[in-house]
C-alpha atoms as a PDB file:
ATOM      1  CA  MET A   1     143.380  26.557 188.023  1.00  0.00           C
ATOM      2  CA  ASN A   2     144.359  29.992 186.963  1.00  0.00           C
ATOM      3  CA  ASN A   3     144.313  31.452 190.437  1.00  0.00           C
ATOM      4  CA  ARG A   4     147.618  30.617 192.027  1.00  0.00           C
ATOM      5  CA  GLU A   5     146.866  32.127 195.359  1.00  0.00           C
ATOM      6  CA  VAL A   6     148.578  30.256 198.211  1.00  0.00           C
ATOM      7  CA  ILE A   7     146.118  29.197 200.940  1.00  0.00           C
ATOM      8  CA  ILE A   8     148.663  27.263 203.144  1.00  0.00           C
ATOM      9  CA  GLN A   9     152.404  27.758 203.298  1.00  0.00           C
ATOM     10  CA  GLY A  10     155.493  27.558 205.505  1.00  0.00           C
ATOM     11  CA  GLU A  11     154.859  25.795 208.871  1.00  0.00           C
ATOM     12  CA  GLY A  12     151.177  25.312 207.951  1.00  0.00           C
ATOM     13  CA  ILE A  13     152.221  22.704 205.377  1.00  0.00           C
ATOM     14  CA  LEU A  14     153.533  20.534 208.232  1.00  0.00           C
ATOM     15  CA  ASN A  15     149.867  20.114 209.342  1.00  0.00           C
ATOM     16  CA  LEU A  16     149.032  18.519 205.966  1.00  0.00           C
ATOM     17  CA  ILE A  17     151.968  16.068 205.508  1.00  0.00           C
ATOM     18  CA  PRO A  18     153.710  13.532 207.717  1.00  0.00           C
ATOM     19  CA  GLN A  19     157.218  14.451 206.506  1.00  0.00           C
ATOM     20  CA  ARG A  20     159.492  16.748 208.549  1.00  0.00           C
ATOM     21  CA  PRO A  21     162.586  18.755 207.573  1.00  0.00           C
ATOM     22  CA  PRO A  22     164.862  18.091 205.854  1.00  0.00           C
ATOM     23  CA  ILE A  23     162.541  15.896 203.734  1.00  0.00           C
ATOM     24  CA  VAL A  24     159.664  18.437 203.219  1.00  0.00           C
ATOM     25  CA  MET A  25     159.214  18.828 199.487  1.00  0.00           C
ATOM     26  CA  VAL A  26     156.122  21.014 199.398  1.00  0.00           C
ATOM     27  CA  ASP A  27     156.144  24.616 200.634  1.00  0.00           C
ATOM     28  CA  SER A  28     152.793  25.873 199.361  1.00  0.00           C
ATOM     29  CA  PHE A  29     149.275  24.560 198.840  1.00  0.00           C
ATOM     30  CA  PHE A  30     146.869  26.330 196.439  1.00  0.00           C
ATOM     31  CA  GLY A  31     143.735  24.332 197.111  1.00  0.00           C
ATOM     32  CA  ILE A  32     141.415  21.759 195.609  1.00  0.00           C
ATOM     33  CA  GLU A  33     138.922  21.926 192.774  1.00  0.00           C
ATOM     34  CA  GLU A  34     136.832  18.794 192.292  1.00  0.00           C
ATOM     35  CA  ASN A  35     139.389  15.964 191.614  1.00  0.00           C
ATOM     36  CA  HIS A  36     142.408  18.349 191.206  1.00  0.00           C
ATOM     37  CA  SER A  37     144.715  19.787 193.837  1.00  0.00           C
ATOM     38  CA  TYR A  38     147.588  22.231 193.431  1.00  0.00           C
ATOM     39  CA  SER A  39     150.840  22.619 195.355  1.00  0.00           C
ATOM     40  CA  GLY A  40     154.248  24.137 194.929  1.00  0.00           C
ATOM     41  CA  LEU A  41     157.870  24.086 195.883  1.00  0.00           C
ATOM     42  CA  THR A  42     160.625  26.676 195.513  1.00  0.00           C
ATOM     43  CA  VAL A  43     163.924  24.869 194.804  1.00  0.00           C
ATOM     44  CA  THR A  44     166.512  25.946 197.369  1.00  0.00           C
ATOM     45  CA  ALA A  45     170.267  25.366 197.598  1.00  0.00           C
ATOM     46  CA  ASP A  46     169.885  23.495 200.942  1.00  0.00           C
ATOM     47  CA  ASN A  47     167.363  20.931 199.514  1.00  0.00           C
ATOM     48  CA  ILE A  48     168.713  17.476 200.200  1.00  0.00           C
ATOM     49  CA  PHE A  49     167.694  16.419 196.629  1.00  0.00           C
ATOM     50  CA  CYS A  50     169.737  19.177 194.961  1.00  0.00           C
ATOM     51  CA  GLU A  51     173.006  18.414 193.187  1.00  0.00           C
ATOM     52  CA  THR A  52     174.983  20.658 190.877  1.00  0.00           C
ATOM     53  CA  GLY A  53     172.456  23.438 191.277  1.00  0.00           C
ATOM     54  CA  LYS A  54     169.449  21.320 190.204  1.00  0.00           C
ATOM     55  CA  LEU A  55     166.658  19.346 191.827  1.00  0.00           C
ATOM     56  CA  GLN A  56     167.248  15.720 190.950  1.00  0.00           C
ATOM     57  CA  GLU A  57     164.792  13.094 189.738  1.00  0.00           C
ATOM     58  CA  ALA A  58     164.242  11.619 193.258  1.00  0.00           C
ATOM     59  CA  GLY A  59     163.388  15.039 194.498  1.00  0.00           C
ATOM     60  CA  ILE A  60     160.717  15.582 191.806  1.00  0.00           C
ATOM     61  CA  ILE A  61     159.235  12.181 192.611  1.00  0.00           C
ATOM     62  CA  GLU A  62     159.132  12.964 196.318  1.00  0.00           C
ATOM     63  CA  HIS A  63     157.602  16.378 195.568  1.00  0.00           C
ATOM     64  CA  ILE A  64     154.850  14.590 193.556  1.00  0.00           C
ATOM     65  CA  ALA A  65     154.226  12.173 196.469  1.00  0.00           C
ATOM     66  CA  GLN A  66     154.075  14.967 199.026  1.00  0.00           C
ATOM     67  CA  SER A  67     151.782  16.972 196.774  1.00  0.00           C
ATOM     68  CA  ALA A  68     149.408  14.062 196.816  1.00  0.00           C
ATOM     69  CA  ALA A  69     149.839  13.801 200.625  1.00  0.00           C
ATOM     70  CA  ALA A  70     149.033  17.454 200.993  1.00  0.00           C
ATOM     71  CA  ARG A  71     145.780  16.934 199.212  1.00  0.00           C
ATOM     72  CA  ILE A  72     144.792  14.077 201.535  1.00  0.00           C
ATOM     73  CA  GLY A  73     145.988  16.080 204.562  1.00  0.00           C
ATOM     74  CA  PHE A  74     143.932  19.083 203.530  1.00  0.00           C
ATOM     75  CA  LEU A  75     140.770  16.921 203.124  1.00  0.00           C
ATOM     76  CA  TYR A  76     141.330  15.220 206.533  1.00  0.00           C
ATOM     77  CA  THR A  77     142.137  18.399 208.473  1.00  0.00           C
ATOM     78  CA  ARG A  78     139.116  20.082 207.011  1.00  0.00           C
ATOM     79  CA  GLN A  79     136.973  17.322 208.456  1.00  0.00           C
ATOM     80  CA  GLY A  80     138.840  17.532 211.808  1.00  0.00           C
ATOM     81  CA  GLU A  81     140.464  14.135 211.370  1.00  0.00           C
ATOM     82  CA  LYS A  82     144.083  13.090 211.928  1.00  0.00           C
ATOM     83  CA  VAL A  83     146.191  13.090 208.753  1.00  0.00           C
ATOM     84  CA  PRO A  84     146.953   9.490 207.724  1.00  0.00           C
ATOM     85  CA  LEU A  85     150.245   8.109 206.495  1.00  0.00           C
ATOM     86  CA  GLY A  86     150.485   7.354 202.774  1.00  0.00           C
ATOM     87  CA  PHE A  87     152.962   5.180 200.887  1.00  0.00           C
ATOM     88  CA  ILE A  88     153.941   5.092 197.258  1.00  0.00           C
ATOM     89  CA  GLY A  89     152.720   1.810 195.819  1.00  0.00           C
ATOM     90  CA  SER A  90     154.028   2.376 192.306  1.00  0.00           C
ATOM     91  CA  VAL A  91     155.146   5.058 189.861  1.00  0.00           C
ATOM     92  CA  ASP A  92     154.174   4.579 186.186  1.00  0.00           C
ATOM     93  CA  LYS A  93     154.661   6.492 182.981  1.00  0.00           C
ATOM     94  CA  LEU A  94     157.250   8.781 184.587  1.00  0.00           C
ATOM     95  CA  LYS A  95     158.686  11.369 182.250  1.00  0.00           C
ATOM     96  CA  ILE A  96     161.115  13.999 183.407  1.00  0.00           C
ATOM     97  CA  TYR A  97     161.759  16.583 180.730  1.00  0.00           C
ATOM     98  CA  ASP A  98     163.965  18.981 182.665  1.00  0.00           C
ATOM     99  CA  LEU A  99     165.573  19.320 186.160  1.00  0.00           C
ATOM    100  CA  PRO A 100     164.622  22.653 187.845  1.00  0.00           C
ATOM    101  CA  LYS A 101     167.444  24.940 188.967  1.00  0.00           C
ATOM    102  CA  ILE A 102     167.803  26.499 192.420  1.00  0.00           C
ATOM    103  CA  GLY A 103     165.381  29.412 192.701  1.00  0.00           C
ATOM    104  CA  MET A 104     162.791  27.961 190.332  1.00  0.00           C
ATOM    105  CA  LYS A 105     159.227  27.474 191.572  1.00  0.00           C
ATOM    106  CA  LEU A 106     157.479  24.210 190.893  1.00  0.00           C
ATOM    107  CA  PHE A 107     153.666  24.221 190.430  1.00  0.00           C
ATOM    108  CA  THR A 108     152.124  20.824 190.564  1.00  0.00           C
ATOM    109  CA  GLU A 109     148.670  19.538 189.679  1.00  0.00           C
ATOM    110  CA  ILE A 110     147.531  16.331 191.149  1.00  0.00           C
ATOM    111  CA  THR A 111     144.499  14.692 189.474  1.00  0.00           C
ATOM    112  CA  VAL A 112     142.696  11.829 191.159  1.00  0.00           C
ATOM    113  CA  ILE A 113     141.930   9.216 188.573  1.00  0.00           C
ATOM    114  CA  GLN A 114     140.452   6.541 190.878  1.00  0.00           C
ATOM    115  CA  GLU A 115     139.987   5.831 194.516  1.00  0.00           C
ATOM    116  CA  VAL A 116     139.264   2.292 195.678  1.00  0.00           C
ATOM    117  CA  PHE A 117     139.271   1.528 199.422  1.00  0.00           C
ATOM    118  CA  ASP A 118     142.615   2.813 200.734  1.00  0.00           C
ATOM    119  CA  ILE A 119     144.344   3.048 197.281  1.00  0.00           C
ATOM    120  CA  THR A 120     144.382   6.277 195.272  1.00  0.00           C
ATOM    121  CA  LEU A 121     145.574   6.429 191.680  1.00  0.00           C
ATOM    122  CA  ILE A 122     146.740   9.894 190.711  1.00  0.00           C
ATOM    123  CA  SER A 123     148.298  11.612 187.753  1.00  0.00           C
ATOM    124  CA  ALA A 124     150.705  14.503 188.276  1.00  0.00           C
ATOM    125  CA  GLN A 125     151.975  17.318 186.158  1.00  0.00           C
ATOM    126  CA  VAL A 126     154.901  19.458 187.410  1.00  0.00           C
ATOM    127  CA  LYS A 127     155.560  22.766 185.716  1.00  0.00           C
ATOM    128  CA  VAL A 128     157.985  25.643 186.096  1.00  0.00           C
ATOM    129  CA  GLU A 129     156.046  28.728 184.953  1.00  0.00           C
ATOM    130  CA  ASP A 130     154.018  27.136 182.144  1.00  0.00           C
ATOM    131  CA  LYS A 131     156.634  24.617 181.033  1.00  0.00           C
ATOM    132  CA  LEU A 132     155.925  20.933 181.824  1.00  0.00           C
ATOM    133  CA  ILE A 133     159.022  19.482 183.452  1.00  0.00           C
ATOM    134  CA  ALA A 134     157.686  16.179 184.737  1.00  0.00           C
ATOM    135  CA  GLU A 135     154.655  13.924 184.727  1.00  0.00           C
ATOM    136  CA  CYS A 136     153.646  10.531 185.941  1.00  0.00           C
ATOM    137  CA  ARG A 137     150.949   8.308 187.472  1.00  0.00           C
ATOM    138  CA  MET A 138     151.336   7.216 191.063  1.00  0.00           C
ATOM    139  CA  LYS A 139     149.493   4.646 193.162  1.00  0.00           C
ATOM    140  CA  ILE A 140     149.272   5.692 196.792  1.00  0.00           C
ATOM    141  CA  PHE A 141     148.227   3.455 199.769  1.00  0.00           C
ATOM    142  CA  ILE A 142     146.674   5.290 202.697  1.00  0.00           C
ATOM    143  CA  LYS A 143     147.259   3.692 206.142  1.00  0.00           C
ATOM    144  CA  LYS A 144     144.279   4.675 208.264  1.00  0.00           C
ATOM    145  CA  GLU A 145     144.422   4.112 212.001  1.00  0.00           C
END
């Protein structure tokens, strides 16, 4: 996706994800194209996952999970349905190449590899500008009511 135009940000993100401050790790949603979705986060000094001026590994993993949640939330709200809870089932092939500093903007692409019943397998790429800083596969369980 070359167009990085934000379609949902700020308080609107809270309609897409179940998390609430101070655990919100997505601050912008750029939309969905086929099996890809795009989200972002500006790293701030008050982020609970920041230490020594950098977003730590746990924060990057949580950002990826919430990016996947924002995708599901967007699809459900578009259909007028309640946003379901999701849980990380597993994280595989995690590679973190760099920890982003305060002020940096993460741009994350979530690609759906497979959906079977209430389980979604995604791959994620997290970039700062055009530099890949992290990637993984994640299995997510959706709890539908």
